[in-house]
Protein backbone atom coordinates (compact mmCIF):
# COMPACT_ATOMS: atom_id res chain seq x y z
CA MET A 1 29.98 34.53 -18.89
CA GLY A 2 31.09 37.16 -16.79
CA ASP A 3 28.13 39.55 -15.68
CA LYS A 4 25.42 37.07 -17.20
CA LYS A 5 26.55 34.22 -14.84
CA ILE A 6 23.22 32.84 -13.75
CA SER A 7 23.91 31.18 -10.48
CA ARG A 8 22.33 27.82 -9.68
CA ARG A 9 19.60 29.68 -7.41
CA ASP A 10 18.64 31.68 -9.96
CA VAL A 11 17.94 28.56 -12.44
CA CYS A 12 15.79 27.14 -9.96
CA ARG A 13 13.68 29.84 -9.30
CA GLY A 14 12.88 30.25 -12.88
CA LEU A 15 12.21 26.78 -13.50
CA LEU A 16 10.23 26.44 -10.26
CA SER A 17 7.43 28.57 -11.70
CA PHE A 18 6.72 26.52 -14.71
CA GLY A 19 5.73 24.08 -11.67
CA GLY A 20 8.06 22.39 -9.84
CA ILE A 21 10.36 20.31 -11.75
CA ALA A 22 13.34 21.75 -11.21
CA LEU A 23 13.86 19.76 -8.31
CA ALA A 24 12.92 16.45 -10.14
CA ALA A 25 15.40 17.22 -13.08
CA GLY A 26 17.72 18.50 -10.52
CA ALA A 27 17.95 15.77 -8.62
CA VAL A 28 18.10 12.89 -11.23
CA LYS A 29 21.00 15.57 -13.15
CA ALA A 30 22.52 15.66 -9.66
CA GLN A 31 22.32 11.69 -8.76
CA ASP A 32 22.87 9.88 -12.38
CA THR A 33 24.72 7.18 -10.69
CA ARG A 34 21.90 6.42 -8.98
CA ALA A 35 18.66 7.40 -10.34
CA THR A 36 16.89 4.68 -11.39
CA GLN A 37 14.26 3.99 -14.71
CA PRO A 38 10.96 5.20 -12.27
CA VAL A 39 12.45 8.49 -11.45
CA VAL A 40 13.39 9.39 -14.81
CA GLU A 41 9.73 8.52 -15.98
CA ALA A 42 8.19 10.46 -13.48
CA VAL A 43 10.06 13.67 -14.09
CA LEU A 44 9.10 13.10 -17.95
CA GLU A 45 5.38 12.71 -16.67
CA ASP A 46 5.87 16.08 -14.97
CA GLN A 47 6.85 17.50 -17.99
CA ARG A 48 3.53 16.06 -19.38
CA VAL A 49 1.81 17.89 -17.49
CA ILE A 50 3.38 20.91 -17.32
CA ASP A 51 3.31 21.36 -20.69
CA ALA A 52 -0.41 20.42 -20.86
CA VAL A 53 -0.92 22.98 -18.40
CA LYS A 54 0.82 25.70 -20.62
CA ARG A 55 -1.03 25.10 -23.83
CA GLY A 56 -4.53 25.29 -21.69
CA ALA A 57 -5.51 21.68 -21.41
CA THR A 58 -8.99 20.66 -20.20
CA MET A 59 -9.25 19.05 -16.84
CA GLU A 60 -10.77 15.52 -18.87
CA GLU A 61 -7.45 15.61 -20.44
CA MET A 62 -5.15 16.64 -17.59
CA ALA A 63 -7.15 13.59 -15.98
CA GLN A 64 -6.25 11.33 -19.24
CA LEU A 65 -2.10 11.59 -18.54
CA ARG A 66 -1.65 10.28 -15.45
CA GLU A 67 -1.40 6.71 -15.68
CA PRO A 68 -0.97 4.10 -12.65
CA ILE A 69 3.23 2.91 -11.82
CA ALA A 70 2.18 -0.32 -12.52
CA LYS A 71 -0.20 -2.18 -14.84
CA SER A 72 -0.26 -5.83 -14.50
CA PRO A 73 -0.67 -7.90 -10.73
CA GLN A 74 2.90 -8.61 -10.67
CA GLU A 75 4.49 -4.92 -11.74
CA ALA A 76 2.18 -3.67 -8.52
CA ILE A 77 3.72 -6.58 -5.61
CA ARG A 78 6.91 -5.82 -7.23
CA ALA A 79 6.41 -1.51 -6.77
CA LEU A 80 5.01 -2.07 -3.20
CA LYS A 81 7.80 -4.34 -2.17
CA SER A 82 10.34 -1.86 -3.89
CA GLY A 83 8.97 1.05 -2.17
CA ASN A 84 8.78 -0.89 1.32
CA SER A 85 12.68 -2.07 1.03
CA ARG A 86 13.10 1.79 0.82
CA PHE A 87 11.26 2.61 3.73
CA PHE A 88 12.86 0.29 5.73
CA SER A 89 16.72 1.00 4.52
CA GLY A 90 15.81 4.41 5.01
CA THR A 91 16.38 5.71 1.48
CA ALA A 92 12.57 6.71 1.28
CA ARG A 93 11.72 8.88 -1.36
CA ARG A 94 8.62 10.10 0.56
CA PRO A 95 6.69 10.84 -2.89
CA GLU A 96 5.31 14.44 -3.39
CA LEU A 97 3.81 15.91 -6.34
CA SER A 98 3.80 19.47 -7.96
CA ALA A 99 0.62 21.39 -8.06
CA ALA A 100 0.52 20.18 -11.87
CA GLU A 101 0.56 16.41 -10.82
CA ARG A 102 -1.98 17.24 -8.51
CA ARG A 103 -4.10 19.45 -11.11
CA SER A 104 -4.28 15.91 -13.33
CA GLN A 105 -5.70 13.70 -10.89
CA ILE A 106 -8.57 16.38 -10.12
CA LEU A 107 -11.25 14.29 -11.92
CA ALA A 108 -9.00 10.89 -11.96
CA GLN A 109 -7.22 8.72 -9.56
CA THR A 110 -4.90 5.99 -11.13
CA PRO A 111 -4.04 3.97 -8.26
CA PHE A 112 -1.78 0.58 -8.58
CA ALA A 113 -2.64 -0.95 -5.08
CA VAL A 114 -5.88 -1.78 -2.86
CA VAL A 115 -4.69 -1.93 0.35
CA LEU A 116 -7.49 -3.23 3.51
CA SER A 117 -4.99 -2.44 6.48
CA CYS A 118 -5.70 -1.59 10.39
CA SER A 119 -6.80 2.26 11.60
CA ASP A 120 -3.41 2.15 14.39
CA SER A 121 -2.22 5.20 13.43
CA ARG A 122 1.91 3.52 13.65
CA VAL A 123 0.84 1.91 10.12
CA PRO A 124 0.37 4.61 7.91
CA THR A 125 0.08 2.93 4.60
CA GLU A 126 1.75 5.14 1.58
CA ILE A 127 4.44 5.83 4.13
CA VAL A 128 5.29 2.35 4.71
CA PHE A 129 5.33 1.30 0.77
CA ASP A 130 7.40 4.80 0.52
CA GLN A 131 4.16 5.74 -2.05
CA GLY A 132 2.72 8.86 -3.15
CA LEU A 133 -0.79 10.72 -3.51
CA GLY A 134 -2.95 8.62 -5.67
CA ASN A 135 -0.60 5.39 -5.93
CA LEU A 136 -2.83 3.71 -3.39
CA PHE A 137 -6.61 3.57 -2.79
CA ILE A 138 -7.07 1.99 0.57
CA THR A 139 -9.65 1.60 3.59
CA ARG A 140 -8.44 1.41 6.87
CA VAL A 141 -10.56 -0.34 9.60
CA ALA A 142 -9.62 -1.68 13.33
CA GLY A 143 -8.06 -5.62 12.61
CA ASN A 144 -8.31 -4.87 8.51
CA VAL A 145 -11.44 -7.02 8.56
CA ILE A 146 -14.20 -8.01 5.78
CA ASP A 147 -17.44 -6.39 6.45
CA THR A 148 -19.68 -4.37 4.29
CA GLY A 149 -18.34 -1.31 4.26
CA THR A 150 -14.55 -2.67 3.12
CA LEU A 151 -15.99 -5.18 0.80
CA GLY A 152 -17.43 -2.37 -1.42
CA SER A 153 -14.03 -0.39 -1.24
CA ILE A 154 -12.71 -3.31 -2.38
CA GLU A 155 -14.63 -3.13 -5.08
CA TYR A 156 -14.98 -0.36 -6.36
CA GLY A 157 -11.06 0.17 -5.89
CA ILE A 158 -11.17 -3.29 -8.31
CA GLY A 159 -13.97 -2.30 -10.51
CA HIS A 160 -13.80 1.53 -11.54
CA LEU A 161 -10.19 2.46 -10.92
CA LYS A 162 -6.76 0.92 -12.48
CA SER A 163 -5.48 -1.47 -9.71
CA HIS A 164 -3.93 -4.63 -10.04
CA VAL A 165 -3.62 -6.29 -6.58
CA VAL A 166 -5.20 -5.84 -3.28
CA VAL A 167 -3.10 -6.09 0.13
CA VAL A 168 -5.18 -7.18 3.28
CA LEU A 169 -2.26 -5.97 5.35
CA GLY A 170 -1.99 -7.08 8.98
CA HIS A 171 0.48 -5.62 11.48
CA GLU A 172 2.89 -5.85 14.74
CA GLY A 173 1.00 -5.95 18.34
CA CYS A 174 -2.37 -4.81 16.47
CA GLY A 175 -5.27 -4.02 19.21
CA ALA A 176 -7.80 -5.63 17.50
CA VAL A 177 -6.27 -8.99 17.35
CA LYS A 178 -4.92 -9.30 20.69
CA ALA A 179 -8.50 -8.51 21.95
CA ALA A 180 -9.84 -11.22 20.04
CA LEU A 181 -7.91 -13.34 22.13
CA LEU A 182 -9.35 -12.51 25.41
CA PRO A 183 -12.11 -14.81 26.91
CA PRO A 184 -15.32 -14.68 25.67
CA GLU A 185 -16.83 -12.61 28.87
CA GLU A 186 -13.65 -10.22 29.10
CA ARG A 187 -14.75 -9.38 24.88
CA ALA A 188 -17.96 -9.12 26.50
CA ARG A 189 -17.31 -5.91 28.15
CA GLU A 190 -17.11 -4.04 25.34
CA THR A 191 -19.64 -2.01 22.97
CA GLN A 192 -21.79 -4.07 20.84
CA SER A 193 -20.23 -2.15 18.02
CA ILE A 194 -16.51 -3.65 19.06
CA GLN A 195 -17.69 -6.76 20.18
CA ALA A 196 -18.91 -7.88 16.43
CA LEU A 197 -15.65 -6.36 15.04
CA LEU A 198 -13.67 -8.70 17.09
CA ASN A 199 -16.36 -11.78 16.20
CA SER A 200 -14.27 -11.23 12.65
CA ILE A 201 -11.50 -12.00 14.50
CA VAL A 202 -11.98 -14.53 16.62
CA PRO A 203 -12.02 -17.66 14.21
CA ALA A 204 -8.83 -16.75 12.73
CA VAL A 205 -6.97 -17.37 16.06
CA SER A 206 -9.03 -19.11 18.13
CA LYS A 207 -7.38 -22.47 16.85
CA ILE A 208 -3.48 -21.17 16.44
CA PRO A 209 -0.87 -23.47 18.20
CA LYS A 210 -0.24 -23.12 21.86
CA ILE A 211 2.70 -20.62 21.47
CA ARG A 212 4.81 -19.73 25.22
CA ASP A 213 6.38 -16.88 23.62
CA GLU A 214 3.80 -13.61 23.69
CA LYS A 215 5.60 -12.23 20.64
CA ALA A 216 5.39 -14.95 18.44
CA LYS A 217 2.23 -15.89 19.45
CA MET A 218 0.62 -12.06 18.53
CA ARG A 219 2.47 -12.94 15.25
CA GLU A 220 0.89 -15.61 14.25
CA ALA A 221 -2.74 -14.62 15.60
CA VAL A 222 -1.88 -11.79 13.34
CA ILE A 223 -0.73 -13.19 10.51
CA SER A 224 -3.90 -16.21 10.56
CA ASN A 225 -6.40 -13.59 10.87
CA VAL A 226 -4.84 -11.95 7.56
CA ARG A 227 -4.83 -15.41 6.01
CA LEU A 228 -8.87 -15.19 7.32
CA GLN A 229 -10.12 -11.83 6.02
CA VAL A 230 -7.82 -12.33 2.58
CA GLN A 231 -9.97 -15.73 2.59
CA ASN A 232 -13.50 -14.37 3.00
CA LEU A 233 -12.11 -11.67 0.44
CA LYS A 234 -11.59 -14.46 -2.04
CA LYS A 235 -14.88 -15.65 -1.90
CA ASN A 236 -16.65 -12.56 -3.45
CA LYS A 237 -17.93 -13.49 -6.60
CA PHE A 238 -16.68 -10.24 -8.20
CA VAL A 239 -13.29 -10.11 -6.93
CA GLN A 240 -13.10 -14.48 -7.65
CA ASP A 241 -13.77 -12.79 -11.22
CA ALA A 242 -11.10 -10.39 -11.39
CA ILE A 243 -8.29 -13.18 -10.11
CA THR A 244 -9.62 -15.22 -12.78
CA SER A 245 -9.25 -12.63 -15.34
CA GLY A 246 -5.82 -11.38 -14.31
CA LYS A 247 -7.23 -8.32 -13.31
CA ILE A 248 -5.86 -8.37 -10.05
CA ALA A 249 -4.05 -10.77 -7.42
CA VAL A 250 -5.22 -10.67 -3.71
CA ILE A 251 -2.13 -11.23 -1.19
CA GLY A 252 -2.05 -10.73 2.48
CA ALA A 253 1.26 -8.66 4.04
CA TYR A 254 2.59 -8.07 7.29
CA TYR A 255 4.32 -5.23 8.89
CA GLU A 256 6.88 -5.20 11.31
CA ILE A 257 6.84 -1.93 13.27
CA THR A 258 9.88 -2.71 14.92
CA SER A 259 11.82 -3.13 11.52
CA GLY A 260 9.54 -1.28 9.18
CA ALA A 261 9.75 -4.29 7.11
CA VAL A 262 6.92 -6.07 5.19
CA ASP A 263 6.27 -9.97 4.85
CA PHE A 264 4.42 -10.82 2.08
CA PHE A 265 1.84 -14.00 1.68
CA GLU A 266 1.76 -14.54 -2.26
CA THR A 267 0.75 -18.78 -2.95
CA ASP A 268 -1.52 -20.55 -1.54
CA GLU A 269 0.02 -22.35 0.41
CA ASP A 270 1.53 -18.58 1.63
CA LEU A 271 -1.98 -17.59 2.88
CA ARG A 272 -3.14 -21.27 3.48
CA ILE A 273 -5.05 -21.24 6.97
CA ALA A 274 -2.73 -22.92 9.64
CA THR A 275 -4.65 -25.65 11.96
CA THR A 276 -3.18 -26.27 15.15
CA SER A 277 -0.41 -28.91 14.13
CA GLY A 278 2.26 -25.94 13.59
CA GLY A 279 2.68 -22.44 12.90
CA ASP A 280 4.30 -20.35 10.61
CA PHE A 281 7.74 -19.55 12.62
CA SER A 282 10.04 -19.19 9.61
CA ARG A 283 9.22 -16.98 7.47
CA TRP A 284 11.98 -15.54 5.86
CA ARG A 285 11.85 -11.95 4.34
CA GLY A 286 12.82 -13.09 0.50
CA HIS A 287 12.25 -9.72 -1.20
CA LEU A 288 15.35 -8.75 1.14
CA ALA A 289 17.53 -9.95 -1.33
């Protein structure tokens, strides 16, 4: 070896010139005891993209190389749960794409999930689910409500993309839900547009059980709104047909800002709109196990 010994830095520099696979491949080799199958698959996909660049593939050919990381509703939900588990446990991968991978997305996108989320700055959806560019198709509006704009975006994600789950994501301390709990005379002080938005939430929170603890009350109100918006979404004929065909699942979720964990509401019972006779106070995070 002697004088011809090549340093690790030289190797990394050389590999980086081919599109950035060095870091991903090095991570898999150096941490093979912790590497997971999705990481290995991502590296292999990156290599396919790099090979396509080197042989002068067209943009159309590049776009066809990238597939969603989940190909069924069940896989999509598992991917979201796994990503959130990484996020709140402090092991997030913060997926970033190489220049070659970004090029493959110019003409096409392949998100595996559609997420209707709140505009709140404390709810960065991709980060919460530890997903990278091109994985999630997100529409955000205060209070995560179903209206013409958000419904159109969701229909597009279902009909034109390769998504397999639609998630209505509420969150801890939602200001829009809190405002919807105010008396009508106080809501009337807001602009007409804000009032219209709040009116989309009021039916969900007007009949929640009497709860003394403010934090528990807010949680119940937010989840009740999630359930209402899921119900509104499922009334749409286009969405109904997609569910019936098995293409997608429509679920709800609640993001707890303080812990970083997301609770998922998947079954009909999970998504049943509660009456004043009871509440959802013992929900357990089954996906943490």
